[in-house]
């Protein structure tokens, strides 16, 4: 595997912008490690690219080894360009890409919205690892696919195990390629109808509803007004007189009447008022 820019000679007078314009994400470049620290490694690239700072983030050095084990000052390396920042005139590199070429090639070939299948390999409080049916294994993680907690389901849940379990077969939509962790970021909920959007189709400002208080927070209360659809009643809208905490007027489980005072479909936010419902 030969780097594309290994033998590029220095051209005097070239600006940083001119040099950066010759670099593309996915290019293989070679250079020498000049410094290793907590935040990764600095690289002086060969040829005229050496006029522009380049660095390798701590998780881009290797997915298998610690940065201080994988690189040392003075070491020659070949890495892949994963970002070009013209504003800061820097090139960001990944040695993990060249360390795991089969996995990297697979992940780079994925496209947002692509549907993949696999088996839940591990369940953690922060998300779920998925061993994909097609594609190589990950050198460190239980699966090359990863679903963050918000992407598991549209509905509210308290524990990840309420949605999926180890060994369960799942079908997911690709969100992006996480170059830092070498993962395919996936979504389960993207393949399910969004109940909020369905609710928003017929909801209108001023509409009165009856809902159940599901959670009290310092600034108000959340009320479920339809299946898997909740809205916020701000503290000022909980009653005709000011209150300091929501539990002064409502408790979790209470059934209350509310009116819609705002709806943001793009951000999936519903704003309700108990006071307005009572006054109409």
Protein backbone atom coordinates (compact mmCIF):
# COMPACT_ATOMS: atom_id res chain seq x y z
CA UNK A 1 0.00 0.00 0.00
CA UNK A 2 1.83 3.09 -1.24
CA UNK A 3 0.99 6.59 0.03
CA UNK A 4 -0.24 8.96 -2.65
CA UNK A 5 1.87 11.89 -1.52
CA UNK A 6 5.06 10.14 -0.44
CA UNK A 7 7.23 11.51 -3.21
CA UNK A 8 5.75 14.97 -3.68
CA UNK A 9 8.54 17.51 -3.72
CA UNK A 10 8.41 20.85 -1.96
CA UNK A 11 7.25 23.77 -4.04
CA UNK A 12 8.47 27.15 -2.81
CA UNK A 13 5.94 29.93 -2.37
CA UNK A 14 2.87 27.70 -2.13
CA UNK A 15 0.29 28.94 0.36
CA UNK A 16 -1.39 26.72 2.93
CA UNK A 17 -4.66 26.96 0.98
CA UNK A 18 -2.92 25.85 -2.22
CA UNK A 19 -1.30 22.92 -0.45
CA UNK A 20 -4.53 21.87 1.29
CA UNK A 21 -6.42 22.03 -2.01
CA UNK A 22 -4.32 19.12 -3.26
CA UNK A 23 -5.33 16.87 -0.35
CA UNK A 24 -8.47 14.73 -0.40
CA UNK A 25 -10.15 12.73 2.35
CA UNK A 26 -9.11 9.14 1.79
CA UNK A 27 -5.61 9.97 0.55
CA UNK A 28 -2.76 7.93 2.00
CA UNK A 29 0.13 10.09 3.16
CA UNK A 30 3.47 9.38 4.77
CA UNK A 31 5.52 11.28 7.30
CA UNK A 32 7.42 11.25 10.55
CA UNK A 33 6.03 11.48 14.08
CA UNK A 34 7.47 14.63 15.66
CA UNK A 35 5.66 14.66 19.01
CA UNK A 36 3.48 12.30 21.06
CA UNK A 37 1.20 13.54 23.81
CA UNK A 38 -2.05 12.97 25.64
CA UNK A 39 -4.02 14.34 22.69
CA UNK A 40 -2.37 12.12 20.09
CA UNK A 41 0.57 12.68 17.78
CA UNK A 42 1.90 15.42 15.53
CA UNK A 43 3.22 14.44 12.11
CA UNK A 44 5.52 16.18 9.67
CA UNK A 45 4.36 14.93 6.31
CA UNK A 46 6.68 14.30 3.39
CA UNK A 47 7.16 16.76 0.55
CA UNK A 48 5.32 20.05 0.40
CA UNK A 49 2.59 18.69 2.68
CA UNK A 50 5.17 19.08 5.45
CA UNK A 51 4.51 22.82 5.37
CA UNK A 52 1.04 22.20 6.84
CA UNK A 53 0.51 20.86 10.39
CA UNK A 54 -0.92 17.34 10.59
CA UNK A 55 -2.06 15.40 13.63
CA UNK A 56 -3.48 12.06 14.68
CA UNK A 57 -6.09 12.07 17.45
CA UNK A 58 -5.64 9.66 20.38
CA UNK A 59 -8.39 7.33 19.14
CA UNK A 60 -7.19 7.60 15.54
CA UNK A 61 -3.73 6.31 16.39
CA UNK A 62 -4.97 2.78 17.02
CA UNK A 63 -8.15 1.01 18.10
CA UNK A 64 -6.11 -1.78 19.68
CA UNK A 65 -3.20 -0.05 21.41
CA UNK A 66 -2.63 3.04 23.51
CA UNK A 67 -1.09 6.00 21.65
CA UNK A 68 2.21 5.72 23.58
CA UNK A 69 2.42 2.04 22.57
CA UNK A 70 1.54 2.60 18.92
CA UNK A 71 3.71 5.63 18.09
CA UNK A 72 6.98 7.18 19.15
CA UNK A 73 8.69 10.37 18.09
CA UNK A 74 10.84 9.74 15.03
CA UNK A 75 8.79 6.82 13.76
CA UNK A 76 7.86 6.74 10.08
CA UNK A 77 4.13 6.23 9.49
CA UNK A 78 1.58 5.88 6.72
CA UNK A 79 -1.88 7.21 7.56
CA UNK A 80 -5.14 8.07 5.84
CA UNK A 81 -6.50 11.62 5.61
CA UNK A 82 -9.85 11.78 7.42
CA UNK A 83 -10.35 15.56 7.55
CA UNK A 84 -8.92 18.72 6.03
CA UNK A 85 -9.49 21.93 8.00
CA UNK A 86 -8.77 24.97 5.82
CA UNK A 87 -9.71 27.40 8.59
CA UNK A 88 -7.01 26.09 10.91
CA UNK A 89 -4.81 24.91 8.03
CA UNK A 90 -4.50 21.41 9.47
CA UNK A 91 -4.75 17.87 8.20
CA UNK A 92 -6.26 15.19 10.41
CA UNK A 93 -4.98 11.65 9.96
CA UNK A 94 -5.85 8.12 11.02
CA UNK A 95 -3.36 5.32 11.53
CA UNK A 96 -6.22 3.09 12.67
CA UNK A 97 -7.43 3.16 9.07
CA UNK A 98 -4.22 1.63 7.75
CA UNK A 99 -4.04 -0.73 10.73
CA UNK A 100 -7.50 -2.17 9.93
CA UNK A 101 -7.88 -1.80 6.14
CA UNK A 102 -10.67 -4.38 5.70
CA UNK A 103 -12.86 -2.84 8.40
CA UNK A 104 -12.11 0.71 7.27
CA UNK A 105 -13.01 -0.10 3.64
CA UNK A 106 -16.28 -1.69 4.75
CA UNK A 107 -17.25 1.28 6.90
CA UNK A 108 -16.33 3.84 4.23
CA UNK A 109 -18.61 2.02 1.80
CA UNK A 110 -21.71 2.48 3.96
CA UNK A 111 -24.22 5.15 3.04
CA UNK A 112 -26.66 7.03 5.32
CA UNK A 113 -30.07 5.37 5.18
CA UNK A 114 -28.68 1.99 4.17
CA UNK A 115 -30.41 -0.85 5.99
CA UNK A 116 -28.27 -3.45 7.77
CA UNK A 117 -29.14 -6.51 9.83
CA UNK A 118 -27.29 -8.12 12.70
CA UNK A 119 -27.40 -9.49 16.22
CA UNK A 120 -27.19 -7.50 19.45
CA UNK A 121 -23.75 -8.41 20.82
CA UNK A 122 -23.67 -6.30 23.98
CA UNK A 123 -26.00 -3.99 25.89
CA UNK A 124 -24.55 -1.06 27.85
CA UNK A 125 -26.17 1.92 29.62
CA UNK A 126 -24.78 4.19 26.88
CA UNK A 127 -25.91 2.11 23.90
CA UNK A 128 -25.93 -1.20 22.07
CA UNK A 129 -23.25 -2.98 20.05
CA UNK A 130 -24.44 -4.89 16.99
CA UNK A 131 -22.52 -7.66 15.23
CA UNK A 132 -23.48 -7.06 11.61
CA UNK A 133 -24.31 -9.94 9.29
CA UNK A 134 -22.20 -8.43 6.52
CA UNK A 135 -18.85 -6.97 7.36
CA UNK A 136 -15.73 -7.82 9.37
CA UNK A 137 -15.57 -7.96 13.17
CA UNK A 138 -14.25 -5.05 15.20
CA UNK A 139 -10.77 -5.49 16.72
CA UNK A 140 -11.92 -4.18 20.13
CA UNK A 141 -15.69 -3.79 20.42
CA UNK A 142 -18.22 -6.66 20.51
CA UNK A 143 -19.71 -5.46 17.22
CA UNK A 144 -18.89 -3.02 14.46
CA UNK A 145 -22.37 -1.48 14.64
CA UNK A 146 -23.38 0.84 17.49
CA UNK A 147 -26.77 2.31 18.44
CA UNK A 148 -26.80 5.19 20.92
CA UNK A 149 -29.60 5.27 23.51
CA UNK A 150 -31.68 8.02 21.78
CA UNK A 151 -31.67 6.02 18.51
CA UNK A 152 -33.08 2.86 20.08
CA UNK A 153 -36.75 3.85 20.15
CA UNK A 154 -39.16 6.75 19.86
CA UNK A 155 -40.87 5.74 23.08
CA UNK A 156 -39.71 6.59 26.59
CA UNK A 157 -37.86 3.84 28.47
CA UNK A 158 -35.84 3.66 31.67
CA UNK A 159 -33.40 0.90 30.76
CA UNK A 160 -31.83 -0.18 27.46
CA UNK A 161 -32.79 -3.80 28.18
CA UNK A 162 -36.45 -2.77 27.84
CA UNK A 163 -35.85 -2.27 24.11
CA UNK A 164 -33.31 -4.93 23.09
CA UNK A 165 -31.49 -7.89 24.58
CA UNK A 166 -28.24 -9.69 23.80
CA UNK A 167 -28.77 -12.21 21.02
CA UNK A 168 -31.76 -10.40 19.55
CA UNK A 169 -31.80 -9.96 15.77
CA UNK A 170 -32.27 -6.35 14.67
CA UNK A 171 -32.60 -4.34 11.49
CA UNK A 172 -31.03 -0.88 11.58
CA UNK A 173 -30.57 2.17 9.41
CA UNK A 174 -27.06 3.59 8.91
CA UNK A 175 -26.56 7.09 10.27
CA UNK A 176 -22.84 7.65 9.71
CA UNK A 177 -19.34 6.21 9.89
CA UNK A 178 -17.75 7.06 13.23
CA UNK A 179 -14.10 7.31 12.23
CA UNK A 180 -12.93 7.86 15.81
CA UNK A 181 -14.20 4.52 17.13
CA UNK A 182 -14.31 2.62 13.85
CA UNK A 183 -18.04 2.01 14.14
CA UNK A 184 -21.11 2.17 11.99
CA UNK A 185 -23.50 4.43 13.90
CA UNK A 186 -26.94 2.91 13.50
CA UNK A 187 -30.57 3.67 14.35
CA UNK A 188 -33.40 1.33 15.23
CA UNK A 189 -36.01 4.04 15.54
CA UNK A 190 -35.33 5.41 12.05
CA UNK A 191 -37.11 2.37 10.61
CA UNK A 192 -40.18 2.89 12.80
CA UNK A 193 -42.97 5.46 12.35
CA UNK A 194 -42.39 8.53 14.51
CA UNK A 195 -45.46 8.85 16.76
CA UNK A 196 -44.76 12.54 17.30
CA UNK A 197 -45.05 13.32 13.59
CA UNK A 198 -48.24 11.32 13.37
CA UNK A 199 -49.67 13.28 16.29
CA UNK A 200 -48.53 16.58 14.76
CA UNK A 201 -50.44 15.89 11.54
CA UNK A 202 -53.77 16.63 13.26
CA UNK A 203 -52.70 18.66 16.33
CA UNK A 204 -53.37 22.39 16.35
CA UNK A 205 -52.58 25.27 18.65
CA UNK A 206 -55.32 25.83 21.20
CA UNK A 207 -56.49 22.21 21.05
CA UNK A 208 -57.44 20.85 24.47
CA UNK A 209 -56.36 17.39 25.56
CA UNK A 210 -56.39 15.21 28.64
CA UNK A 211 -53.08 13.64 29.58
CA UNK A 212 -51.11 11.92 32.33
CA UNK A 213 -48.25 13.55 34.21
CA UNK A 214 -45.19 11.36 33.60
CA UNK A 215 -42.33 13.36 35.10
CA UNK A 216 -41.71 16.39 37.27
CA UNK A 217 -38.67 18.58 36.56
CA UNK A 218 -37.55 21.85 38.20
CA UNK A 219 -39.00 23.91 35.34
CA UNK A 220 -42.34 22.12 34.92
CA UNK A 221 -44.00 18.80 34.20
CA UNK A 222 -44.11 16.40 31.28
CA UNK A 223 -47.54 15.16 30.27
CA UNK A 224 -48.31 12.22 27.97
CA UNK A 225 -51.15 13.26 25.68
CA UNK A 226 -51.01 10.35 23.21
CA UNK A 227 -49.19 7.04 22.96
CA UNK A 228 -45.44 7.81 23.07
CA UNK A 229 -46.11 11.56 22.77
CA UNK A 230 -45.29 13.88 25.66
CA UNK A 231 -45.31 17.63 26.03
CA UNK A 232 -43.96 20.09 28.58
CA UNK A 233 -46.11 22.23 30.82
CA UNK A 234 -43.85 25.01 32.01
CA UNK A 235 -43.95 25.99 35.67
CA UNK A 236 -45.70 29.28 34.78
CA UNK A 237 -48.48 27.39 32.96
CA UNK A 238 -49.28 24.83 35.65
CA UNK A 239 -51.85 26.96 37.47
CA UNK A 240 -53.44 30.38 37.86
CA UNK A 241 -51.05 31.36 40.63
CA UNK A 242 -47.21 31.15 40.59
CA UNK A 243 -45.59 28.06 42.13
CA UNK A 244 -41.98 27.35 42.96
CA UNK A 245 -42.03 23.60 42.24
CA UNK A 246 -44.42 21.51 40.12
CA UNK A 247 -45.26 19.13 42.96
CA UNK A 248 -47.15 21.97 44.62
CA UNK A 249 -49.95 21.47 42.07
CA UNK A 250 -49.46 18.10 40.29
CA UNK A 251 -48.00 14.66 40.93
CA UNK A 252 -46.77 11.90 38.63
CA UNK A 253 -49.79 9.87 37.54
CA UNK A 254 -52.27 12.74 37.75
CA UNK A 255 -54.73 13.12 34.87
CA UNK A 256 -54.97 16.76 33.86
CA UNK A 257 -56.43 18.88 31.10
CA UNK A 258 -53.97 20.83 28.95
CA UNK A 259 -54.03 23.00 25.85
CA UNK A 260 -51.46 23.04 23.05
CA UNK A 261 -49.62 26.37 23.00
CA UNK A 262 -46.73 25.42 20.72
CA UNK A 263 -45.50 22.60 18.50
CA UNK A 264 -42.08 22.27 16.85
CA UNK A 265 -42.10 19.33 14.43
CA UNK A 266 -38.45 19.58 13.42
CA UNK A 267 -37.25 19.44 17.05
CA UNK A 268 -40.09 17.14 18.18
CA UNK A 269 -41.20 19.47 20.94
CA UNK A 270 -44.71 19.98 22.25
CA UNK A 271 -45.56 22.84 24.62
CA UNK A 272 -48.68 22.65 26.76
CA UNK A 273 -50.54 24.83 29.23
CA UNK A 274 -52.75 23.67 32.09
CA UNK A 275 -53.69 27.22 32.89
CA UNK A 276 -54.97 27.95 29.37
CA UNK A 277 -57.05 24.75 29.31
CA UNK A 278 -58.69 25.68 32.60
CA UNK A 279 -59.54 29.19 31.44
CA UNK A 280 -61.32 28.15 28.25
